[in-house]
Amino acid sequence: MTCPGLETPRLVLRPRSYNDIDAMAAMDADPEVMRYVEPIADPVVHRAELMTWIPDDEDPGMGGWSVFPKEAPERYLGWIVLYPLEGWEGDVEIGWRFVRDAWGHGYASEAAAAVMEHGFRTVGLDCIVVVLDPDNQRSRRVCEKLGMTAAGMRRAYDVDCALYVKQRP
């Protein structure tokens, strides 16, 4: 099973493709979008890294989705991922990044809820985690909307991160 397409009442989530690279790179070029993530030092290197994110079928049912509104299916809103968290045995992380003009519309919460449901029901995960910069209040609110529990701090991606956890319902 590869990363399947998903839908919500307002959104279409489809497996990321090479056609999404330009939109992903443009989103990541916005310093405000990248405020809580390591900044892009070299756009050419970053674009090459984005290309490696596409063919990811190592973990059945997991991967990355590009998010689009149903009413404008060509308008790239951002991405959401469900991956094993590197260095954390057995933990699976959900993460998201959206273009700035998509903020404040509930898209991250709506897309993440669909991916979490897929992770629990289809993939059979027992727990999904989020690690984020402790100052990232927007993502903390998304975690709260998803019913995730704050679980202290943990080290991930070589930095100290706030940890949120949700067990399978």
N, C-alpha and C. Protein backbone atom coordinates (compact mmCIF):
# COMPACT_ATOMS: atom_id res chain seq x y z
N MET A 1 0.86 -1.18 0.00
CA MET A 1 0.00 0.00 0.00
C MET A 1 0.90 1.24 0.00
N THR A 2 0.73 2.07 -0.97
CA THR A 2 1.45 3.34 -0.99
C THR A 2 0.59 4.41 -0.34
N CYS A 3 1.10 5.58 -0.27
CA CYS A 3 0.40 6.73 0.30
C CYS A 3 -0.85 7.00 -0.56
N PRO A 4 -2.06 6.80 -0.03
CA PRO A 4 -3.28 6.96 -0.84
C PRO A 4 -3.75 8.40 -0.91
N GLY A 5 -4.54 8.71 -1.92
CA GLY A 5 -5.22 10.00 -1.95
C GLY A 5 -6.28 10.03 -0.86
N LEU A 6 -6.50 11.22 -0.29
CA LEU A 6 -7.50 11.39 0.76
C LEU A 6 -8.32 12.64 0.45
N GLU A 7 -9.54 12.69 0.99
CA GLU A 7 -10.38 13.88 0.84
C GLU A 7 -11.02 14.23 2.15
N THR A 8 -11.28 15.52 2.32
CA THR A 8 -12.04 16.03 3.46
C THR A 8 -13.18 16.85 2.86
N PRO A 9 -14.05 17.42 3.66
CA PRO A 9 -15.12 18.22 3.07
C PRO A 9 -14.62 19.37 2.18
N ARG A 10 -13.47 19.96 2.51
CA ARG A 10 -12.97 21.10 1.73
C ARG A 10 -11.69 20.85 0.96
N LEU A 11 -11.01 19.72 1.23
CA LEU A 11 -9.66 19.54 0.71
C LEU A 11 -9.47 18.23 -0.04
N VAL A 12 -8.51 18.27 -0.96
CA VAL A 12 -8.02 17.08 -1.63
C VAL A 12 -6.56 16.92 -1.22
N LEU A 13 -6.22 15.74 -0.72
CA LEU A 13 -4.85 15.42 -0.36
C LEU A 13 -4.40 14.32 -1.31
N ARG A 14 -3.37 14.62 -2.09
CA ARG A 14 -2.87 13.59 -3.01
C ARG A 14 -1.39 13.37 -2.74
N PRO A 15 -0.92 12.16 -3.02
CA PRO A 15 0.51 11.91 -2.79
C PRO A 15 1.35 12.97 -3.51
N ARG A 16 2.37 13.47 -2.80
CA ARG A 16 3.24 14.47 -3.43
C ARG A 16 3.85 13.91 -4.69
N SER A 17 4.06 14.81 -5.66
CA SER A 17 4.65 14.40 -6.92
C SER A 17 5.70 15.43 -7.34
N TYR A 18 6.46 15.07 -8.35
CA TYR A 18 7.47 15.99 -8.86
C TYR A 18 6.84 17.29 -9.37
N ASN A 19 5.57 17.23 -9.77
CA ASN A 19 4.88 18.44 -10.22
C ASN A 19 4.69 19.45 -9.10
N ASP A 20 4.85 19.02 -7.84
CA ASP A 20 4.67 19.91 -6.69
C ASP A 20 5.95 20.63 -6.27
N ILE A 21 7.07 20.28 -6.85
CA ILE A 21 8.36 20.81 -6.40
C ILE A 21 8.41 22.33 -6.47
N ASP A 22 7.96 22.93 -7.57
CA ASP A 22 8.00 24.40 -7.68
C ASP A 22 7.20 25.06 -6.57
N ALA A 23 6.00 24.54 -6.29
CA ALA A 23 5.16 25.11 -5.24
C ALA A 23 5.78 24.90 -3.86
N MET A 24 6.36 23.73 -3.64
CA MET A 24 7.01 23.45 -2.35
C MET A 24 8.19 24.40 -2.15
N ALA A 25 9.01 24.56 -3.17
CA ALA A 25 10.18 25.43 -3.07
C ALA A 25 9.76 26.89 -2.85
N ALA A 26 8.71 27.33 -3.54
CA ALA A 26 8.23 28.71 -3.37
C ALA A 26 7.72 28.91 -1.94
N MET A 27 6.99 27.94 -1.41
CA MET A 27 6.50 28.04 -0.05
C MET A 27 7.68 28.14 0.93
N ASP A 28 8.67 27.30 0.74
CA ASP A 28 9.82 27.27 1.65
C ASP A 28 10.71 28.50 1.51
N ALA A 29 10.55 29.26 0.44
CA ALA A 29 11.32 30.49 0.27
C ALA A 29 10.76 31.64 1.11
N ASP A 30 9.57 31.46 1.67
CA ASP A 30 8.95 32.49 2.50
C ASP A 30 9.53 32.38 3.92
N PRO A 31 10.27 33.39 4.36
CA PRO A 31 10.90 33.32 5.69
C PRO A 31 9.89 33.14 6.83
N GLU A 32 8.69 33.68 6.67
CA GLU A 32 7.70 33.52 7.74
C GLU A 32 7.20 32.08 7.82
N VAL A 33 7.07 31.40 6.67
CA VAL A 33 6.69 29.99 6.66
C VAL A 33 7.77 29.15 7.35
N MET A 34 9.01 29.53 7.14
CA MET A 34 10.14 28.77 7.68
C MET A 34 10.62 29.27 9.04
N ARG A 35 9.86 30.13 9.66
CA ARG A 35 10.27 30.77 10.92
C ARG A 35 10.71 29.78 11.99
N TYR A 36 10.05 28.64 12.11
CA TYR A 36 10.35 27.68 13.17
C TYR A 36 11.06 26.43 12.65
N VAL A 37 11.59 26.54 11.44
CA VAL A 37 12.28 25.43 10.80
C VAL A 37 13.66 25.95 10.38
N GLU A 38 14.58 25.04 10.21
CA GLU A 38 15.91 25.46 9.77
C GLU A 38 15.80 26.25 8.47
N PRO A 39 16.38 27.45 8.42
CA PRO A 39 16.26 28.27 7.21
C PRO A 39 16.96 27.64 6.01
N ILE A 40 16.50 28.01 4.83
CA ILE A 40 17.06 27.50 3.59
C ILE A 40 18.36 28.27 3.30
N ALA A 41 19.47 27.57 3.34
CA ALA A 41 20.77 28.22 3.10
C ALA A 41 21.05 28.36 1.60
N ASP A 42 20.69 27.32 0.85
CA ASP A 42 20.97 27.31 -0.58
C ASP A 42 19.75 26.77 -1.32
N PRO A 43 19.04 27.61 -2.07
CA PRO A 43 17.82 27.17 -2.76
C PRO A 43 18.03 26.00 -3.72
N VAL A 44 19.18 25.93 -4.36
CA VAL A 44 19.45 24.83 -5.30
C VAL A 44 19.58 23.51 -4.54
N VAL A 45 20.31 23.53 -3.43
CA VAL A 45 20.45 22.33 -2.61
C VAL A 45 19.09 21.93 -2.02
N HIS A 46 18.33 22.92 -1.59
CA HIS A 46 17.02 22.65 -1.00
C HIS A 46 16.09 22.00 -2.03
N ARG A 47 16.09 22.51 -3.23
CA ARG A 47 15.26 21.93 -4.30
C ARG A 47 15.65 20.48 -4.56
N ALA A 48 16.94 20.21 -4.56
CA ALA A 48 17.41 18.82 -4.75
C ALA A 48 16.93 17.94 -3.60
N GLU A 49 16.94 18.49 -2.39
CA GLU A 49 16.44 17.74 -1.23
C GLU A 49 14.95 17.46 -1.38
N LEU A 50 14.19 18.46 -1.82
CA LEU A 50 12.75 18.25 -2.02
C LEU A 50 12.49 17.12 -3.01
N MET A 51 13.31 17.01 -4.02
CA MET A 51 13.14 15.95 -5.02
C MET A 51 13.25 14.57 -4.36
N THR A 52 14.07 14.45 -3.32
CA THR A 52 14.23 13.15 -2.65
C THR A 52 13.02 12.80 -1.80
N TRP A 53 12.17 13.79 -1.51
CA TRP A 53 10.99 13.54 -0.68
C TRP A 53 9.87 12.84 -1.45
N ILE A 54 9.94 12.82 -2.76
CA ILE A 54 8.82 12.33 -3.56
C ILE A 54 8.73 10.80 -3.58
N PRO A 55 9.72 10.09 -4.06
CA PRO A 55 9.55 8.63 -4.16
C PRO A 55 9.79 7.95 -2.82
N ASP A 56 8.82 7.97 -1.94
CA ASP A 56 9.00 7.41 -0.60
C ASP A 56 7.93 6.36 -0.34
N ASP A 57 8.23 5.13 -0.73
CA ASP A 57 7.29 4.03 -0.52
C ASP A 57 7.81 3.02 0.49
N GLU A 58 8.79 3.41 1.30
CA GLU A 58 9.39 2.47 2.23
C GLU A 58 8.43 2.04 3.34
N ASP A 59 7.55 2.92 3.76
CA ASP A 59 6.64 2.62 4.86
C ASP A 59 5.22 2.57 4.33
N PRO A 60 4.64 1.38 4.24
CA PRO A 60 3.32 1.24 3.63
C PRO A 60 2.26 2.16 4.25
N GLY A 61 1.55 2.87 3.37
CA GLY A 61 0.47 3.75 3.80
C GLY A 61 0.91 5.09 4.33
N MET A 62 2.22 5.30 4.43
CA MET A 62 2.74 6.56 4.94
C MET A 62 3.45 7.30 3.83
N GLY A 63 3.75 8.57 4.09
CA GLY A 63 4.44 9.38 3.11
C GLY A 63 4.02 10.82 3.22
N GLY A 64 4.01 11.51 2.08
CA GLY A 64 3.68 12.93 2.06
C GLY A 64 2.55 13.21 1.09
N TRP A 65 1.68 14.12 1.49
CA TRP A 65 0.56 14.54 0.67
C TRP A 65 0.68 16.02 0.37
N SER A 66 0.31 16.41 -0.83
CA SER A 66 0.12 17.82 -1.17
C SER A 66 -1.36 18.12 -0.97
N VAL A 67 -1.64 19.33 -0.48
CA VAL A 67 -3.00 19.70 -0.09
C VAL A 67 -3.51 20.80 -1.01
N PHE A 68 -4.75 20.60 -1.51
CA PHE A 68 -5.39 21.54 -2.43
C PHE A 68 -6.84 21.74 -2.01
N PRO A 69 -7.39 22.95 -2.19
CA PRO A 69 -8.82 23.14 -1.90
C PRO A 69 -9.65 22.54 -3.03
N LYS A 70 -10.77 21.93 -2.68
CA LYS A 70 -11.64 21.34 -3.70
C LYS A 70 -12.14 22.39 -4.69
N GLU A 71 -12.42 23.61 -4.20
CA GLU A 71 -12.99 24.62 -5.10
C GLU A 71 -11.96 25.20 -6.05
N ALA A 72 -10.67 24.97 -5.81
CA ALA A 72 -9.60 25.44 -6.70
C ALA A 72 -8.48 24.41 -6.68
N PRO A 73 -8.70 23.26 -7.32
CA PRO A 73 -7.77 22.13 -7.18
C PRO A 73 -6.36 22.37 -7.73
N GLU A 74 -6.13 23.47 -8.41
CA GLU A 74 -4.78 23.78 -8.89
C GLU A 74 -4.01 24.65 -7.90
N ARG A 75 -4.69 25.13 -6.84
CA ARG A 75 -4.07 26.03 -5.86
C ARG A 75 -3.40 25.23 -4.75
N TYR A 76 -2.09 25.24 -4.75
CA TYR A 76 -1.30 24.52 -3.76
C TYR A 76 -1.41 25.22 -2.41
N LEU A 77 -1.83 24.48 -1.38
CA LEU A 77 -1.94 25.04 -0.03
C LEU A 77 -0.76 24.67 0.85
N GLY A 78 -0.19 23.49 0.62
CA GLY A 78 0.90 23.03 1.46
C GLY A 78 1.01 21.52 1.44
N TRP A 79 1.69 21.00 2.44
CA TRP A 79 1.85 19.56 2.52
C TRP A 79 1.66 19.06 3.95
N ILE A 80 1.45 17.75 4.03
CA ILE A 80 1.34 17.06 5.31
C ILE A 80 2.02 15.72 5.16
N VAL A 81 2.72 15.28 6.20
CA VAL A 81 3.46 14.02 6.15
C VAL A 81 3.10 13.13 7.33
N LEU A 82 3.27 11.85 7.11
CA LEU A 82 3.14 10.83 8.14
C LEU A 82 4.31 9.87 7.93
N TYR A 83 5.32 9.96 8.81
CA TYR A 83 6.56 9.20 8.66
C TYR A 83 7.02 8.67 9.99
N PRO A 84 7.76 7.53 9.99
CA PRO A 84 8.46 7.14 11.21
C PRO A 84 9.45 8.26 11.58
N LEU A 85 9.48 8.62 12.83
CA LEU A 85 10.34 9.70 13.30
C LEU A 85 11.75 9.14 13.48
N GLU A 86 12.66 9.67 12.70
CA GLU A 86 14.03 9.19 12.69
C GLU A 86 14.65 9.25 14.08
N GLY A 87 15.22 8.12 14.50
CA GLY A 87 15.88 8.05 15.79
C GLY A 87 14.95 7.74 16.95
N TRP A 88 13.67 7.63 16.70
CA TRP A 88 12.69 7.31 17.76
C TRP A 88 12.04 5.98 17.42
N GLU A 89 12.52 4.94 17.99
CA GLU A 89 12.05 3.59 17.67
C GLU A 89 10.54 3.47 17.83
N GLY A 90 9.86 3.19 16.72
CA GLY A 90 8.43 2.94 16.74
C GLY A 90 7.53 4.17 16.70
N ASP A 91 8.07 5.37 16.86
CA ASP A 91 7.22 6.56 16.85
C ASP A 91 7.01 7.06 15.42
N VAL A 92 5.77 7.41 15.12
CA VAL A 92 5.41 7.94 13.82
C VAL A 92 4.98 9.39 14.00
N GLU A 93 5.55 10.25 13.17
CA GLU A 93 5.31 11.69 13.26
C GLU A 93 4.36 12.15 12.17
N ILE A 94 3.48 13.06 12.54
CA ILE A 94 2.70 13.80 11.55
C ILE A 94 3.24 15.23 11.56
N GLY A 95 3.36 15.82 10.40
CA GLY A 95 3.86 17.19 10.30
C GLY A 95 3.19 17.89 9.13
N TRP A 96 3.27 19.21 9.13
CA TRP A 96 2.61 19.98 8.08
C TRP A 96 3.36 21.28 7.83
N ARG A 97 3.14 21.80 6.66
CA ARG A 97 3.63 23.14 6.30
C ARG A 97 2.68 23.69 5.25
N PHE A 98 2.22 24.92 5.46
CA PHE A 98 1.26 25.53 4.55
C PHE A 98 1.72 26.92 4.13
N VAL A 99 1.34 27.31 2.91
CA VAL A 99 1.65 28.66 2.43
C VAL A 99 0.96 29.66 3.35
N ARG A 100 1.55 30.83 3.47
CA ARG A 100 1.06 31.80 4.44
C ARG A 100 -0.40 32.20 4.20
N ASP A 101 -0.82 32.36 2.94
CA ASP A 101 -2.20 32.79 2.72
C ASP A 101 -3.22 31.68 3.02
N ALA A 102 -2.75 30.49 3.35
CA ALA A 102 -3.64 29.40 3.77
C ALA A 102 -3.80 29.35 5.29
N TRP A 103 -3.00 30.14 6.01
CA TRP A 103 -3.07 30.13 7.47
C TRP A 103 -4.39 30.71 7.96
N GLY A 104 -4.86 30.19 9.09
CA GLY A 104 -6.05 30.74 9.73
C GLY A 104 -7.37 30.27 9.16
N HIS A 105 -7.32 29.30 8.24
CA HIS A 105 -8.55 28.80 7.63
C HIS A 105 -8.91 27.38 8.09
N GLY A 106 -8.11 26.82 8.99
CA GLY A 106 -8.37 25.47 9.48
C GLY A 106 -7.91 24.36 8.55
N TYR A 107 -7.16 24.70 7.50
CA TYR A 107 -6.71 23.67 6.56
C TYR A 107 -5.76 22.66 7.21
N ALA A 108 -4.82 23.14 8.02
CA ALA A 108 -3.86 22.22 8.65
C ALA A 108 -4.59 21.24 9.56
N SER A 109 -5.52 21.73 10.36
CA SER A 109 -6.27 20.84 11.26
C SER A 109 -7.10 19.83 10.47
N GLU A 110 -7.75 20.30 9.41
CA GLU A 110 -8.61 19.42 8.62
C GLU A 110 -7.79 18.35 7.90
N ALA A 111 -6.68 18.76 7.30
CA ALA A 111 -5.83 17.79 6.60
C ALA A 111 -5.19 16.82 7.58
N ALA A 112 -4.69 17.33 8.70
CA ALA A 112 -4.04 16.47 9.69
C ALA A 112 -5.02 15.47 10.28
N ALA A 113 -6.26 15.88 10.52
CA ALA A 113 -7.26 14.95 11.05
C ALA A 113 -7.49 13.79 10.08
N ALA A 114 -7.55 14.09 8.79
CA ALA A 114 -7.74 13.04 7.79
C ALA A 114 -6.55 12.09 7.75
N VAL A 115 -5.35 12.64 7.81
CA VAL A 115 -4.15 11.80 7.77
C VAL A 115 -4.04 10.98 9.06
N MET A 116 -4.38 11.57 10.20
CA MET A 116 -4.34 10.81 11.45
C MET A 116 -5.35 9.66 11.42
N GLU A 117 -6.54 9.94 10.93
CA GLU A 117 -7.55 8.87 10.83
C GLU A 117 -7.03 7.75 9.93
N HIS A 118 -6.43 8.11 8.82
CA HIS A 118 -5.83 7.12 7.92
C HIS A 118 -4.75 6.34 8.68
N GLY A 119 -3.90 7.03 9.42
CA GLY A 119 -2.83 6.36 10.15
C GLY A 119 -3.36 5.37 11.17
N PHE A 120 -4.39 5.75 11.90
CA PHE A 120 -4.95 4.86 12.91
C PHE A 120 -5.76 3.72 12.29
N ARG A 121 -6.66 4.05 11.35
CA ARG A 121 -7.58 3.03 10.82
C ARG A 121 -6.95 2.15 9.74
N THR A 122 -6.26 2.76 8.80
CA THR A 122 -5.75 2.00 7.66
C THR A 122 -4.36 1.42 7.91
N VAL A 123 -3.46 2.25 8.42
CA VAL A 123 -2.09 1.80 8.67
C VAL A 123 -2.02 0.98 9.95
N GLY A 124 -2.93 1.24 10.90
CA GLY A 124 -2.95 0.48 12.14
C GLY A 124 -2.01 1.00 13.21
N LEU A 125 -1.69 2.29 13.15
CA LEU A 125 -0.80 2.88 14.15
C LEU A 125 -1.50 2.95 15.50
N ASP A 126 -0.73 2.80 16.56
CA ASP A 126 -1.26 2.92 17.91
C ASP A 126 -1.10 4.34 18.46
N CYS A 127 -0.11 5.07 17.93
CA CYS A 127 0.21 6.39 18.45
C CYS A 127 0.81 7.24 17.32
N ILE A 128 0.47 8.52 17.32
CA ILE A 128 1.06 9.47 16.37
C ILE A 128 1.57 10.64 17.19
N VAL A 129 2.77 11.13 16.83
CA VAL A 129 3.38 12.23 17.58
C VAL A 129 3.63 13.43 16.67
N VAL A 130 3.76 14.58 17.31
CA VAL A 130 4.20 15.81 16.65
C VAL A 130 5.36 16.34 17.48
N VAL A 131 6.43 16.75 16.80
CA VAL A 131 7.51 17.47 17.45
C VAL A 131 7.60 18.83 16.78
N LEU A 132 7.69 19.87 17.60
CA LEU A 132 7.68 21.22 17.02
C LEU A 132 8.45 22.18 17.90
N ASP A 133 8.81 23.29 17.31
CA ASP A 133 9.47 24.35 18.06
C ASP A 133 8.52 24.80 19.16
N PRO A 134 9.00 24.87 20.41
CA PRO A 134 8.10 25.23 21.51
C PRO A 134 7.46 26.61 21.37
N ASP A 135 8.02 27.49 20.54
CA ASP A 135 7.45 28.81 20.34
C ASP A 135 6.40 28.86 19.22
N ASN A 136 6.20 27.77 18.51
CA ASN A 136 5.29 27.74 17.37
C ASN A 136 3.85 27.57 17.86
N GLN A 137 3.24 28.70 18.20
CA GLN A 137 1.89 28.69 18.77
C GLN A 137 0.83 28.21 17.76
N ARG A 138 1.00 28.53 16.50
CA ARG A 138 0.02 28.08 15.49
C ARG A 138 -0.04 26.55 15.44
N SER A 139 1.12 25.91 15.38
CA SER A 139 1.13 24.45 15.33
C SER A 139 0.68 23.84 16.65
N ARG A 140 0.97 24.50 17.75
CA ARG A 140 0.46 24.00 19.05
C ARG A 140 -1.07 24.00 19.04
N ARG A 141 -1.68 25.06 18.48
CA ARG A 141 -3.14 25.11 18.41
C ARG A 141 -3.70 24.01 17.51
N VAL A 142 -3.00 23.72 16.42
CA VAL A 142 -3.44 22.61 15.56
C VAL A 142 -3.42 21.31 16.36
N CYS A 143 -2.34 21.07 17.10
CA CYS A 143 -2.26 19.86 17.92
C CYS A 143 -3.42 19.78 18.90
N GLU A 144 -3.74 20.88 19.53
CA GLU A 144 -4.85 20.91 20.48
C GLU A 144 -6.17 20.62 19.79
N LYS A 145 -6.39 21.21 18.60
CA LYS A 145 -7.62 20.93 17.85
C LYS A 145 -7.74 19.46 17.49
N LEU A 146 -6.59 18.81 17.28
CA LEU A 146 -6.57 17.39 16.92
C LEU A 146 -6.75 16.48 18.14
N GLY A 147 -6.84 17.08 19.32
CA GLY A 147 -7.00 16.28 20.54
C GLY A 147 -5.71 15.65 21.01
N MET A 148 -4.59 16.21 20.60
CA MET A 148 -3.29 15.68 21.02
C MET A 148 -2.96 16.21 22.42
N THR A 149 -2.14 15.48 23.12
CA THR A 149 -1.75 15.82 24.49
C THR A 149 -0.31 16.30 24.51
N ALA A 150 -0.06 17.42 25.16
CA ALA A 150 1.31 17.90 25.36
C ALA A 150 2.02 16.91 26.27
N ALA A 151 3.21 16.50 25.86
CA ALA A 151 3.94 15.46 26.60
C ALA A 151 5.38 15.88 26.90
N GLY A 152 5.57 17.18 27.15
CA GLY A 152 6.90 17.65 27.54
C GLY A 152 7.78 17.97 26.35
N MET A 153 9.06 17.87 26.59
CA MET A 153 10.07 18.18 25.57
C MET A 153 10.84 16.92 25.22
N ARG A 154 11.23 16.81 23.96
CA ARG A 154 12.10 15.73 23.49
C ARG A 154 13.04 16.29 22.45
N ARG A 155 14.15 15.65 22.29
CA ARG A 155 15.12 16.08 21.29
C ARG A 155 14.80 15.38 19.96
N ALA A 156 14.67 16.18 18.90
CA ALA A 156 14.43 15.66 17.55
C ALA A 156 15.05 16.63 16.56
N TYR A 157 15.59 16.10 15.48
CA TYR A 157 16.21 16.94 14.46
C TYR A 157 17.31 17.83 15.06
N ASP A 158 17.99 17.30 16.07
CA ASP A 158 19.11 17.99 16.73
C ASP A 158 18.71 19.26 17.47
N VAL A 159 17.44 19.40 17.83
CA VAL A 159 16.98 20.53 18.63
C VAL A 159 15.97 20.03 19.67
N ASP A 160 15.78 20.81 20.72
CA ASP A 160 14.77 20.48 21.73
C ASP A 160 13.40 20.89 21.20
N CYS A 161 12.47 19.95 21.22
CA CYS A 161 11.14 20.17 20.64
C CYS A 161 10.05 19.89 21.66
N ALA A 162 8.94 20.60 21.51
CA ALA A 162 7.74 20.26 22.26
C ALA A 162 7.15 19.00 21.62
N LEU A 163 6.72 18.09 22.46
CA LEU A 163 6.17 16.82 22.00
C LEU A 163 4.67 16.78 22.26
N TYR A 164 3.91 16.41 21.24
CA TYR A 164 2.47 16.18 21.37
C TYR A 164 2.19 14.74 20.94
N VAL A 165 1.24 14.11 21.60
CA VAL A 165 0.98 12.69 21.38
C VAL A 165 -0.53 12.46 21.27
N LYS A 166 -0.89 11.54 20.38
CA LYS A 166 -2.28 11.08 20.34
C LYS A 166 -2.28 9.57 20.16
N GLN A 167 -3.00 8.90 21.04
CA GLN A 167 -3.15 7.45 20.97
C GLN A 167 -4.34 7.11 20.05
N ARG A 168 -4.31 5.92 19.51
CA ARG A 168 -5.43 5.48 18.68
C ARG A 168 -6.71 5.52 19.52
N PRO A 169 -7.77 6.10 18.95
CA PRO A 169 -9.04 6.18 19.71
C PRO A 169 -9.59 4.79 20.01
